[in-house]
N, C-alpha and C. Protein backbone atom coordinates (compact mmCIF):
# COMPACT_ATOMS: atom_id res chain seq x y z
N MET A 1 -50.33 -58.25 -0.76
CA MET A 1 -49.71 -57.33 0.16
C MET A 1 -48.26 -57.06 -0.24
N LEU A 2 -47.53 -58.09 -0.59
CA LEU A 2 -46.15 -57.94 -1.00
C LEU A 2 -46.06 -57.08 -2.27
N GLU A 3 -47.04 -57.26 -3.14
CA GLU A 3 -47.07 -56.48 -4.38
C GLU A 3 -47.23 -54.99 -4.09
N GLY A 4 -48.05 -54.65 -3.11
CA GLY A 4 -48.25 -53.24 -2.73
C GLY A 4 -46.99 -52.61 -2.17
N ILE A 5 -46.23 -53.36 -1.39
CA ILE A 5 -44.97 -52.85 -0.82
C ILE A 5 -43.95 -52.62 -1.92
N LEU A 6 -43.86 -53.55 -2.86
CA LEU A 6 -42.92 -53.41 -3.96
C LEU A 6 -43.28 -52.22 -4.85
N LEU A 7 -44.55 -51.97 -5.08
CA LEU A 7 -44.97 -50.83 -5.89
C LEU A 7 -44.61 -49.51 -5.21
N GLN A 8 -44.72 -49.43 -3.88
CA GLN A 8 -44.36 -48.22 -3.16
C GLN A 8 -42.86 -47.97 -3.21
N ALA A 9 -42.07 -49.01 -3.22
CA ALA A 9 -40.61 -48.86 -3.25
C ALA A 9 -40.14 -48.30 -4.58
N ASN A 10 -40.85 -48.56 -5.66
CA ASN A 10 -40.45 -48.10 -6.97
C ASN A 10 -41.05 -46.75 -7.34
N ALA A 11 -41.78 -46.12 -6.47
CA ALA A 11 -42.42 -44.83 -6.76
C ALA A 11 -41.35 -43.75 -6.92
N PRO A 12 -41.50 -42.88 -7.90
CA PRO A 12 -40.51 -41.82 -8.10
C PRO A 12 -40.56 -40.79 -6.97
N ALA A 13 -39.38 -40.30 -6.58
CA ALA A 13 -39.27 -39.30 -5.52
C ALA A 13 -39.15 -37.93 -6.17
N GLY A 14 -40.28 -37.27 -6.40
CA GLY A 14 -40.29 -36.00 -7.13
C GLY A 14 -39.67 -34.85 -6.36
N GLY A 15 -40.06 -34.60 -5.12
CA GLY A 15 -39.56 -33.45 -4.36
C GLY A 15 -38.78 -33.86 -3.14
N GLY A 16 -38.12 -34.98 -3.17
CA GLY A 16 -37.41 -35.50 -2.01
C GLY A 16 -36.23 -34.65 -1.57
N TRP A 17 -35.49 -34.10 -2.50
CA TRP A 17 -34.31 -33.31 -2.12
C TRP A 17 -34.71 -32.01 -1.44
N MET A 18 -35.86 -31.45 -1.84
CA MET A 18 -36.31 -30.20 -1.22
C MET A 18 -36.74 -30.45 0.23
N GLN A 19 -37.42 -31.56 0.45
CA GLN A 19 -37.83 -31.90 1.81
C GLN A 19 -36.62 -32.16 2.70
N GLN A 20 -35.62 -32.83 2.16
CA GLN A 20 -34.41 -33.08 2.93
C GLN A 20 -33.68 -31.78 3.26
N LEU A 21 -33.64 -30.88 2.30
CA LEU A 21 -33.00 -29.59 2.52
C LEU A 21 -33.70 -28.81 3.63
N LEU A 22 -35.04 -28.81 3.59
CA LEU A 22 -35.80 -28.13 4.64
C LEU A 22 -35.60 -28.79 6.00
N LEU A 23 -35.55 -30.11 6.01
CA LEU A 23 -35.33 -30.84 7.26
C LEU A 23 -33.97 -30.49 7.87
N PHE A 24 -32.91 -30.54 7.06
CA PHE A 24 -31.58 -30.22 7.57
C PHE A 24 -31.47 -28.75 7.98
N GLY A 25 -32.13 -27.87 7.22
CA GLY A 25 -32.15 -26.45 7.60
C GLY A 25 -32.85 -26.23 8.93
N GLY A 26 -33.95 -26.94 9.14
CA GLY A 26 -34.67 -26.85 10.42
C GLY A 26 -33.84 -27.37 11.57
N ILE A 27 -33.16 -28.47 11.35
CA ILE A 27 -32.29 -29.02 12.39
C ILE A 27 -31.17 -28.04 12.73
N ALA A 28 -30.60 -27.40 11.71
CA ALA A 28 -29.52 -26.43 11.93
C ALA A 28 -30.03 -25.24 12.75
N LEU A 29 -31.24 -24.75 12.45
CA LEU A 29 -31.81 -23.63 13.21
C LEU A 29 -32.06 -24.01 14.67
N VAL A 30 -32.62 -25.18 14.89
CA VAL A 30 -32.88 -25.63 16.26
C VAL A 30 -31.56 -25.76 17.02
N PHE A 31 -30.56 -26.34 16.38
CA PHE A 31 -29.24 -26.49 17.01
C PHE A 31 -28.66 -25.14 17.38
N TYR A 32 -28.79 -24.15 16.47
CA TYR A 32 -28.24 -22.82 16.74
C TYR A 32 -28.95 -22.16 17.92
N PHE A 33 -30.28 -22.16 17.92
CA PHE A 33 -31.03 -21.44 18.95
C PHE A 33 -31.01 -22.12 20.31
N PHE A 34 -30.82 -23.43 20.35
CA PHE A 34 -30.83 -24.12 21.64
C PHE A 34 -29.45 -24.48 22.17
N MET A 35 -28.41 -24.43 21.33
CA MET A 35 -27.08 -24.83 21.77
C MET A 35 -26.05 -23.71 21.64
N ILE A 36 -25.90 -23.17 20.46
CA ILE A 36 -24.81 -22.23 20.19
C ILE A 36 -25.10 -20.85 20.77
N ARG A 37 -26.27 -20.30 20.51
CA ARG A 37 -26.60 -18.95 20.96
C ARG A 37 -26.56 -18.79 22.48
N PRO A 38 -27.17 -19.70 23.27
CA PRO A 38 -27.08 -19.55 24.73
C PRO A 38 -25.64 -19.61 25.25
N GLN A 39 -24.80 -20.46 24.63
CA GLN A 39 -23.41 -20.56 25.07
C GLN A 39 -22.66 -19.27 24.78
N GLN A 40 -22.91 -18.66 23.63
CA GLN A 40 -22.26 -17.38 23.30
C GLN A 40 -22.69 -16.30 24.27
N LYS A 41 -23.98 -16.27 24.64
CA LYS A 41 -24.48 -15.28 25.59
C LYS A 41 -23.83 -15.47 26.96
N LYS A 42 -23.69 -16.72 27.39
CA LYS A 42 -23.06 -17.01 28.68
C LYS A 42 -21.61 -16.56 28.69
N GLN A 43 -20.87 -16.82 27.59
CA GLN A 43 -19.48 -16.39 27.51
C GLN A 43 -19.37 -14.87 27.52
N LYS A 44 -20.27 -14.18 26.85
CA LYS A 44 -20.25 -12.72 26.82
C LYS A 44 -20.52 -12.15 28.22
N ASP A 45 -21.51 -12.71 28.93
CA ASP A 45 -21.81 -12.26 30.29
C ASP A 45 -20.64 -12.49 31.23
N GLN A 46 -19.97 -13.64 31.11
CA GLN A 46 -18.81 -13.95 31.95
C GLN A 46 -17.67 -12.97 31.69
N LYS A 47 -17.43 -12.66 30.42
CA LYS A 47 -16.37 -11.71 30.06
C LYS A 47 -16.67 -10.32 30.61
N ASN A 48 -17.92 -9.89 30.50
CA ASN A 48 -18.31 -8.58 31.05
C ASN A 48 -18.17 -8.56 32.56
N PHE A 49 -18.54 -9.65 33.24
CA PHE A 49 -18.41 -9.73 34.68
C PHE A 49 -16.94 -9.60 35.11
N ILE A 50 -16.06 -10.32 34.43
CA ILE A 50 -14.63 -10.28 34.78
C ILE A 50 -14.06 -8.89 34.55
N ASN A 51 -14.50 -8.21 33.50
CA ASN A 51 -14.00 -6.86 33.23
C ASN A 51 -14.54 -5.83 34.21
N ASP A 52 -15.69 -6.09 34.84
CA ASP A 52 -16.33 -5.12 35.74
C ASP A 52 -15.95 -5.29 37.20
N ILE A 53 -15.24 -6.35 37.57
CA ILE A 53 -14.90 -6.53 38.98
C ILE A 53 -13.87 -5.48 39.41
N LYS A 54 -13.87 -5.19 40.70
CA LYS A 54 -12.95 -4.18 41.23
C LYS A 54 -12.44 -4.64 42.60
N LYS A 55 -11.46 -3.91 43.08
CA LYS A 55 -10.86 -4.22 44.37
C LYS A 55 -11.93 -4.15 45.46
N GLY A 56 -11.94 -5.16 46.33
CA GLY A 56 -12.90 -5.21 47.43
C GLY A 56 -14.09 -6.10 47.17
N ASP A 57 -14.32 -6.48 45.92
CA ASP A 57 -15.44 -7.38 45.61
C ASP A 57 -15.16 -8.77 46.16
N ARG A 58 -16.22 -9.42 46.62
CA ARG A 58 -16.11 -10.81 47.07
C ARG A 58 -16.45 -11.69 45.89
N ILE A 59 -15.57 -12.68 45.61
CA ILE A 59 -15.77 -13.56 44.46
C ILE A 59 -15.54 -15.02 44.85
N VAL A 60 -15.93 -15.90 43.94
CA VAL A 60 -15.68 -17.33 44.07
C VAL A 60 -14.96 -17.76 42.80
N THR A 61 -13.89 -18.54 42.96
CA THR A 61 -13.15 -19.02 41.79
C THR A 61 -13.79 -20.30 41.27
N ILE A 62 -13.33 -20.73 40.12
CA ILE A 62 -13.82 -21.97 39.53
C ILE A 62 -13.55 -23.15 40.45
N GLY A 63 -12.45 -23.09 41.17
CA GLY A 63 -12.09 -24.16 42.11
C GLY A 63 -12.86 -24.11 43.41
N GLY A 64 -13.67 -23.08 43.63
CA GLY A 64 -14.49 -22.99 44.84
C GLY A 64 -13.88 -22.17 45.95
N VAL A 65 -12.79 -21.44 45.68
CA VAL A 65 -12.15 -20.61 46.70
C VAL A 65 -12.92 -19.30 46.83
N HIS A 66 -13.34 -18.97 48.05
CA HIS A 66 -14.05 -17.72 48.33
C HIS A 66 -13.05 -16.71 48.87
N GLY A 67 -13.18 -15.47 48.44
CA GLY A 67 -12.28 -14.45 48.95
C GLY A 67 -12.66 -13.06 48.47
N ARG A 68 -11.91 -12.08 48.99
CA ARG A 68 -12.11 -10.68 48.62
C ARG A 68 -10.90 -10.25 47.80
N ILE A 69 -11.14 -9.49 46.74
CA ILE A 69 -10.05 -9.06 45.88
C ILE A 69 -9.21 -8.03 46.62
N ALA A 70 -7.93 -8.35 46.80
CA ALA A 70 -7.00 -7.44 47.49
C ALA A 70 -6.22 -6.60 46.49
N GLU A 71 -5.80 -7.21 45.39
CA GLU A 71 -5.02 -6.51 44.37
C GLU A 71 -5.43 -7.03 43.00
N MET A 72 -5.29 -6.17 42.00
CA MET A 72 -5.60 -6.57 40.63
C MET A 72 -4.50 -6.10 39.69
N ASP A 73 -4.09 -7.01 38.80
CA ASP A 73 -3.19 -6.68 37.71
C ASP A 73 -3.98 -6.81 36.42
N GLU A 74 -3.27 -6.73 35.31
CA GLU A 74 -3.96 -6.85 34.02
C GLU A 74 -4.57 -8.24 33.83
N ASP A 75 -3.82 -9.30 34.17
CA ASP A 75 -4.29 -10.66 33.94
C ASP A 75 -4.51 -11.46 35.22
N THR A 76 -4.07 -10.95 36.36
CA THR A 76 -4.17 -11.72 37.61
C THR A 76 -4.86 -10.90 38.69
N ILE A 77 -5.36 -11.63 39.69
CA ILE A 77 -5.92 -11.00 40.88
C ILE A 77 -5.32 -11.69 42.10
N THR A 78 -5.27 -10.95 43.19
CA THR A 78 -4.83 -11.53 44.45
C THR A 78 -6.02 -11.52 45.39
N LEU A 79 -6.39 -12.71 45.88
CA LEU A 79 -7.52 -12.83 46.79
C LEU A 79 -7.03 -12.85 48.22
N ASP A 80 -7.74 -12.14 49.06
CA ASP A 80 -7.50 -12.16 50.50
C ASP A 80 -8.49 -13.15 51.08
N VAL A 81 -7.98 -14.29 51.57
CA VAL A 81 -8.84 -15.30 52.16
C VAL A 81 -8.71 -15.21 53.67
N GLU A 82 -9.28 -16.11 54.41
CA GLU A 82 -9.30 -16.05 55.88
C GLU A 82 -7.91 -15.93 56.49
N LYS A 83 -7.84 -15.25 57.62
CA LYS A 83 -6.65 -15.09 58.45
C LYS A 83 -5.50 -14.44 57.70
N GLY A 84 -5.80 -13.54 56.77
CA GLY A 84 -4.78 -12.76 56.10
C GLY A 84 -4.01 -13.46 55.00
N ALA A 85 -4.36 -14.66 54.68
CA ALA A 85 -3.67 -15.38 53.60
C ALA A 85 -4.08 -14.79 52.26
N LYS A 86 -3.12 -14.68 51.35
CA LYS A 86 -3.39 -14.14 50.03
C LYS A 86 -2.99 -15.18 48.98
N ILE A 87 -3.86 -15.32 47.98
CA ILE A 87 -3.63 -16.28 46.91
C ILE A 87 -3.78 -15.56 45.58
N LYS A 88 -2.86 -15.84 44.66
CA LYS A 88 -2.89 -15.19 43.35
C LYS A 88 -3.54 -16.13 42.33
N PHE A 89 -4.48 -15.58 41.52
CA PHE A 89 -5.21 -16.33 40.51
C PHE A 89 -5.22 -15.58 39.19
N GLU A 90 -5.43 -16.31 38.11
CA GLU A 90 -5.70 -15.70 36.82
C GLU A 90 -7.13 -15.18 36.83
N LYS A 91 -7.38 -14.11 36.10
CA LYS A 91 -8.74 -13.57 36.03
C LYS A 91 -9.71 -14.58 35.44
N SER A 92 -9.23 -15.42 34.56
CA SER A 92 -10.10 -16.40 33.92
C SER A 92 -10.60 -17.46 34.90
N ALA A 93 -10.00 -17.53 36.10
CA ALA A 93 -10.41 -18.52 37.09
C ALA A 93 -11.57 -18.03 37.96
N ILE A 94 -12.07 -16.83 37.70
CA ILE A 94 -13.18 -16.29 38.48
C ILE A 94 -14.48 -16.90 37.98
N SER A 95 -15.31 -17.35 38.92
CA SER A 95 -16.56 -17.98 38.56
C SER A 95 -17.74 -17.03 38.73
N LEU A 96 -17.93 -16.48 39.93
CA LEU A 96 -19.07 -15.60 40.17
C LEU A 96 -18.78 -14.66 41.33
N GLU A 97 -19.65 -13.69 41.48
CA GLU A 97 -19.49 -12.72 42.56
C GLU A 97 -20.23 -13.24 43.79
N ALA A 98 -19.52 -13.39 44.89
CA ALA A 98 -20.10 -13.97 46.10
C ALA A 98 -21.01 -12.99 46.82
N SER A 99 -20.77 -11.70 46.71
CA SER A 99 -21.59 -10.75 47.45
C SER A 99 -23.02 -10.75 46.94
N LYS A 100 -23.23 -10.94 45.64
CA LYS A 100 -24.60 -11.01 45.10
C LYS A 100 -25.27 -12.30 45.55
N LYS A 101 -24.52 -13.39 45.58
CA LYS A 101 -25.06 -14.67 45.98
C LYS A 101 -25.45 -14.64 47.47
N VAL A 102 -24.59 -14.07 48.31
CA VAL A 102 -24.86 -13.98 49.74
C VAL A 102 -26.00 -13.01 50.00
N ALA A 103 -26.05 -11.90 49.25
CA ALA A 103 -27.11 -10.91 49.45
C ALA A 103 -28.48 -11.50 49.13
N GLY A 104 -28.54 -12.42 48.18
CA GLY A 104 -29.80 -13.05 47.83
C GLY A 104 -30.32 -13.96 48.94
N LYS A 105 -29.42 -14.52 49.75
CA LYS A 105 -29.81 -15.42 50.83
C LYS A 105 -30.29 -14.66 52.06
N ALA A 106 -29.76 -13.46 52.27
CA ALA A 106 -30.06 -12.72 53.50
C ALA A 106 -31.42 -12.08 53.48
């Protein structure tokens, strides 16, 4: 039995590098399609959403603040929250549109 194991260890590896290349190529493809591509799509959708918002839309920030857009500048928005309070945020702090989320529940 030991002799059989030793004989297998000394066998020449004729096409080993090609198999390794295919294995690493396959791993790279799986990594791209399951990790990188979905993240890029999510970032693109978020960027389009932020560019499409307008005054009066109800939104939720990353921190969980709900409000209606009262004013918009190039890089900032002012949210009108309860009882007339206004808070200024960067556009990048917007998470999602609350009116679509609320409309789905009703």
